[in-house]
Amino acid sequence: MRGMGNMQGMMKQMQKMQKQMAEAQEKLGDERLEGTAGGGMVKVIVSGDKKVVDVVVDPSVIDPEDAEMLQDLIIVATNDAMEKADELTNSTMGQFTKGLNLPGMF
């Protein structure tokens, strides 16, 4: 029954890794990443778990005659912030899948 001891060891390692992953995901939620557009005139702040936390718009870019431009700037800034959140997630959570060829995992 030597295999059972090895299996228990593997289960303990998996439980430890699950706990570490949960802690890392929780820390991601505390991170703040900023995306900008229009030379910093529009800023979008997202959390590491991809929730929009804040949107800051410089009043000088608010043109009632051109709402579409402001909308575009917000989209660009949001996408910039989300890309940064993706990069942070990949670098943080990727440590748990190194060496494992699991498609779709971080």
C-alpha atoms as a PDB file:
ATOM      1  CA  MET A   1       0.000   0.000   0.000  1.00  0.00           C
ATOM      2  CA  ARG A   2       2.861   2.354  -0.693  1.00  0.00           C
ATOM      3  CA  GLY A   3       0.794   4.218  -3.262  1.00  0.00           C
ATOM      4  CA  MET A   4      -1.697   5.432  -0.653  1.00  0.00           C
ATOM      5  CA  GLY A   5       0.937   7.440   1.210  1.00  0.00           C
ATOM      6  CA  ASN A   6       2.007   9.047  -2.047  1.00  0.00           C
ATOM      7  CA  MET A   7      -1.626   9.840  -2.861  1.00  0.00           C
ATOM      8  CA  GLN A   8      -2.129  11.487   0.526  1.00  0.00           C
ATOM      9  CA  GLY A   9       0.964  13.570  -0.042  1.00  0.00           C
ATOM     10  CA  MET A  10      -0.355  14.678  -3.414  1.00  0.00           C
ATOM     11  CA  MET A  11      -3.719  15.567  -1.881  1.00  0.00           C
ATOM     12  CA  LYS A  12      -2.013  17.697   0.773  1.00  0.00           C
ATOM     13  CA  GLN A  13      -0.010  19.479  -1.914  1.00  0.00           C
ATOM     14  CA  MET A  14      -3.183  20.130  -3.925  1.00  0.00           C
ATOM     15  CA  GLN A  15      -4.979  21.522  -0.871  1.00  0.00           C
ATOM     16  CA  LYS A  16      -2.016  23.791  -0.134  1.00  0.00           C
ATOM     17  CA  MET A  17      -1.982  24.995  -3.734  1.00  0.00           C
ATOM     18  CA  GLN A  18      -5.741  25.648  -3.656  1.00  0.00           C
ATOM     19  CA  LYS A  19      -5.316  27.756  -0.526  1.00  0.00           C
ATOM     20  CA  GLN A  20      -2.463  29.713  -2.118  1.00  0.00           C
ATOM     21  CA  MET A  21      -4.525  30.280  -5.263  1.00  0.00           C
ATOM     22  CA  ALA A  22      -7.474  31.561  -3.232  1.00  0.00           C
ATOM     23  CA  GLU A  23      -5.184  33.957  -1.346  1.00  0.00           C
ATOM     24  CA  ALA A  24      -3.641  35.193  -4.598  1.00  0.00           C
ATOM     25  CA  GLN A  25      -7.086  35.774  -6.123  1.00  0.00           C
ATOM     26  CA  GLU A  26      -8.168  37.711  -3.047  1.00  0.00           C
ATOM     27  CA  LYS A  27      -5.060  39.899  -3.285  1.00  0.00           C
ATOM     28  CA  LEU A  28      -5.836  40.549  -6.963  1.00  0.00           C
ATOM     29  CA  GLY A  29      -9.138  42.083  -5.904  1.00  0.00           C
ATOM     30  CA  ASP A  30      -7.242  44.572  -3.741  1.00  0.00           C
ATOM     31  CA  GLU A  31      -4.977  45.720  -6.581  1.00  0.00           C
ATOM     32  CA  ARG A  32      -5.825  48.897  -8.523  1.00  0.00           C
ATOM     33  CA  LEU A  33      -4.809  49.441 -12.144  1.00  0.00           C
ATOM     34  CA  GLU A  34      -5.219  52.614 -14.131  1.00  0.00           C
ATOM     35  CA  GLY A  35      -5.984  52.879 -17.813  1.00  0.00           C
ATOM     36  CA  THR A  36      -5.782  56.218 -19.561  1.00  0.00           C
ATOM     37  CA  ALA A  37      -6.800  57.840 -22.829  1.00  0.00           C
ATOM     38  CA  GLY A  38      -6.516  61.265 -24.356  1.00  0.00           C
ATOM     39  CA  GLY A  39      -3.164  61.960 -22.741  1.00  0.00           C
ATOM     40  CA  GLY A  40      -4.547  61.224 -19.285  1.00  0.00           C
ATOM     41  CA  MET A  41      -7.707  63.280 -19.752  1.00  0.00           C
ATOM     42  CA  VAL A  42      -9.784  60.143 -19.107  1.00  0.00           C
ATOM     43  CA  LYS A  43      -8.762  57.606 -16.468  1.00  0.00           C
ATOM     44  CA  VAL A  44     -10.433  54.344 -15.595  1.00  0.00           C
ATOM     45  CA  ILE A  45      -9.414  52.493 -12.445  1.00  0.00           C
ATOM     46  CA  VAL A  46     -10.119  48.771 -12.242  1.00  0.00           C
ATOM     47  CA  SER A  47      -9.445  46.215  -9.560  1.00  0.00           C
ATOM     48  CA  GLY A  48      -7.212  43.242 -10.233  1.00  0.00           C
ATOM     49  CA  ASP A  49     -10.333  41.114 -10.527  1.00  0.00           C
ATOM     50  CA  LYS A  50     -11.596  43.343 -13.362  1.00  0.00           C
ATOM     51  CA  LYS A  51     -14.209  45.477 -11.671  1.00  0.00           C
ATOM     52  CA  VAL A  52     -14.405  49.141 -12.646  1.00  0.00           C
ATOM     53  CA  VAL A  53     -13.748  51.080  -9.452  1.00  0.00           C
ATOM     54  CA  ASP A  54     -13.572  54.668 -10.695  1.00  0.00           C
ATOM     55  CA  VAL A  55     -13.824  56.801 -13.821  1.00  0.00           C
ATOM     56  CA  VAL A  56     -12.189  60.227 -13.853  1.00  0.00           C
ATOM     57  CA  VAL A  57     -12.919  62.629 -16.707  1.00  0.00           C
ATOM     58  CA  ASP A  58     -11.159  65.958 -17.054  1.00  0.00           C
ATOM     59  CA  PRO A  59     -13.930  68.543 -17.524  1.00  0.00           C
ATOM     60  CA  SER A  60     -12.109  70.007 -20.516  1.00  0.00           C
ATOM     61  CA  VAL A  61     -12.943  66.938 -22.635  1.00  0.00           C
ATOM     62  CA  ILE A  62     -16.670  67.182 -21.963  1.00  0.00           C
ATOM     63  CA  ASP A  63     -18.176  68.608 -25.126  1.00  0.00           C
ATOM     64  CA  PRO A  64     -21.971  68.348 -25.287  1.00  0.00           C
ATOM     65  CA  GLU A  65     -21.700  68.556 -29.070  1.00  0.00           C
ATOM     66  CA  ASP A  66     -19.331  65.573 -29.250  1.00  0.00           C
ATOM     67  CA  ALA A  67     -20.398  62.965 -26.707  1.00  0.00           C
ATOM     68  CA  GLU A  68     -19.113  60.236 -29.018  1.00  0.00           C
ATOM     69  CA  MET A  69     -15.495  61.363 -28.532  1.00  0.00           C
ATOM     70  CA  LEU A  70     -15.856  61.113 -24.743  1.00  0.00           C
ATOM     71  CA  GLN A  71     -17.442  57.686 -25.074  1.00  0.00           C
ATOM     72  CA  ASP A  72     -14.535  56.538 -27.244  1.00  0.00           C
ATOM     73  CA  LEU A  73     -12.011  57.839 -24.709  1.00  0.00           C
ATOM     74  CA  ILE A  74     -13.766  55.972 -21.903  1.00  0.00           C
ATOM     75  CA  ILE A  75     -13.726  52.759 -23.939  1.00  0.00           C
ATOM     76  CA  VAL A  76     -10.012  53.137 -24.719  1.00  0.00           C
ATOM     77  CA  ALA A  77      -9.140  53.856 -21.077  1.00  0.00           C
ATOM     78  CA  THR A  78     -11.262  50.928 -19.876  1.00  0.00           C
ATOM     79  CA  ASN A  79      -9.646  48.515 -22.328  1.00  0.00           C
ATOM     80  CA  ASP A  80      -6.200  49.782 -21.275  1.00  0.00           C
ATOM     81  CA  ALA A  81      -6.991  49.130 -17.612  1.00  0.00           C
ATOM     82  CA  MET A  82      -8.449  45.686 -18.375  1.00  0.00           C
ATOM     83  CA  GLU A  83      -5.320  44.702 -20.326  1.00  0.00           C
ATOM     84  CA  LYS A  84      -3.226  45.663 -17.300  1.00  0.00           C
ATOM     85  CA  ALA A  85      -5.518  43.583 -15.080  1.00  0.00           C
ATOM     86  CA  ASP A  86      -5.082  40.622 -17.454  1.00  0.00           C
ATOM     87  CA  GLU A  87      -1.297  40.989 -17.316  1.00  0.00           C
ATOM     88  CA  LEU A  88      -1.366  41.122 -13.521  1.00  0.00           C
ATOM     89  CA  THR A  89      -3.632  38.072 -13.358  1.00  0.00           C
ATOM     90  CA  ASN A  90      -1.399  36.123 -15.728  1.00  0.00           C
ATOM     91  CA  SER A  91       1.742  36.954 -13.795  1.00  0.00           C
ATOM     92  CA  THR A  92       0.132  36.280 -10.408  1.00  0.00           C
ATOM     93  CA  MET A  93      -1.899  33.177 -11.164  1.00  0.00           C
ATOM     94  CA  GLY A  94       0.406  31.793 -13.838  1.00  0.00           C
ATOM     95  CA  GLN A  95       2.782  30.581 -11.139  1.00  0.00           C
ATOM     96  CA  PHE A  96       0.227  27.906 -10.259  1.00  0.00           C
ATOM     97  CA  THR A  97       0.025  26.483 -13.781  1.00  0.00           C
ATOM     98  CA  LYS A  98       3.715  26.609 -14.740  1.00  0.00           C
ATOM     99  CA  GLY A  99       4.700  23.403 -16.406  1.00  0.00           C
ATOM    100  CA  LEU A 100       1.111  22.292 -16.775  1.00  0.00           C
ATOM    101  CA  ASN A 101      -0.183  22.549 -20.307  1.00  0.00           C
ATOM    102  CA  LEU A 102      -3.789  23.426 -19.421  1.00  0.00           C
ATOM    103  CA  PRO A 103      -5.562  25.370 -22.166  1.00  0.00           C
ATOM    104  CA  GLY A 104      -7.624  28.281 -20.900  1.00  0.00           C
ATOM    105  CA  MET A 105      -5.933  28.431 -17.510  1.00  0.00           C
ATOM    106  CA  PHE A 106      -4.450  31.882 -16.851  1.00  0.00           C
END
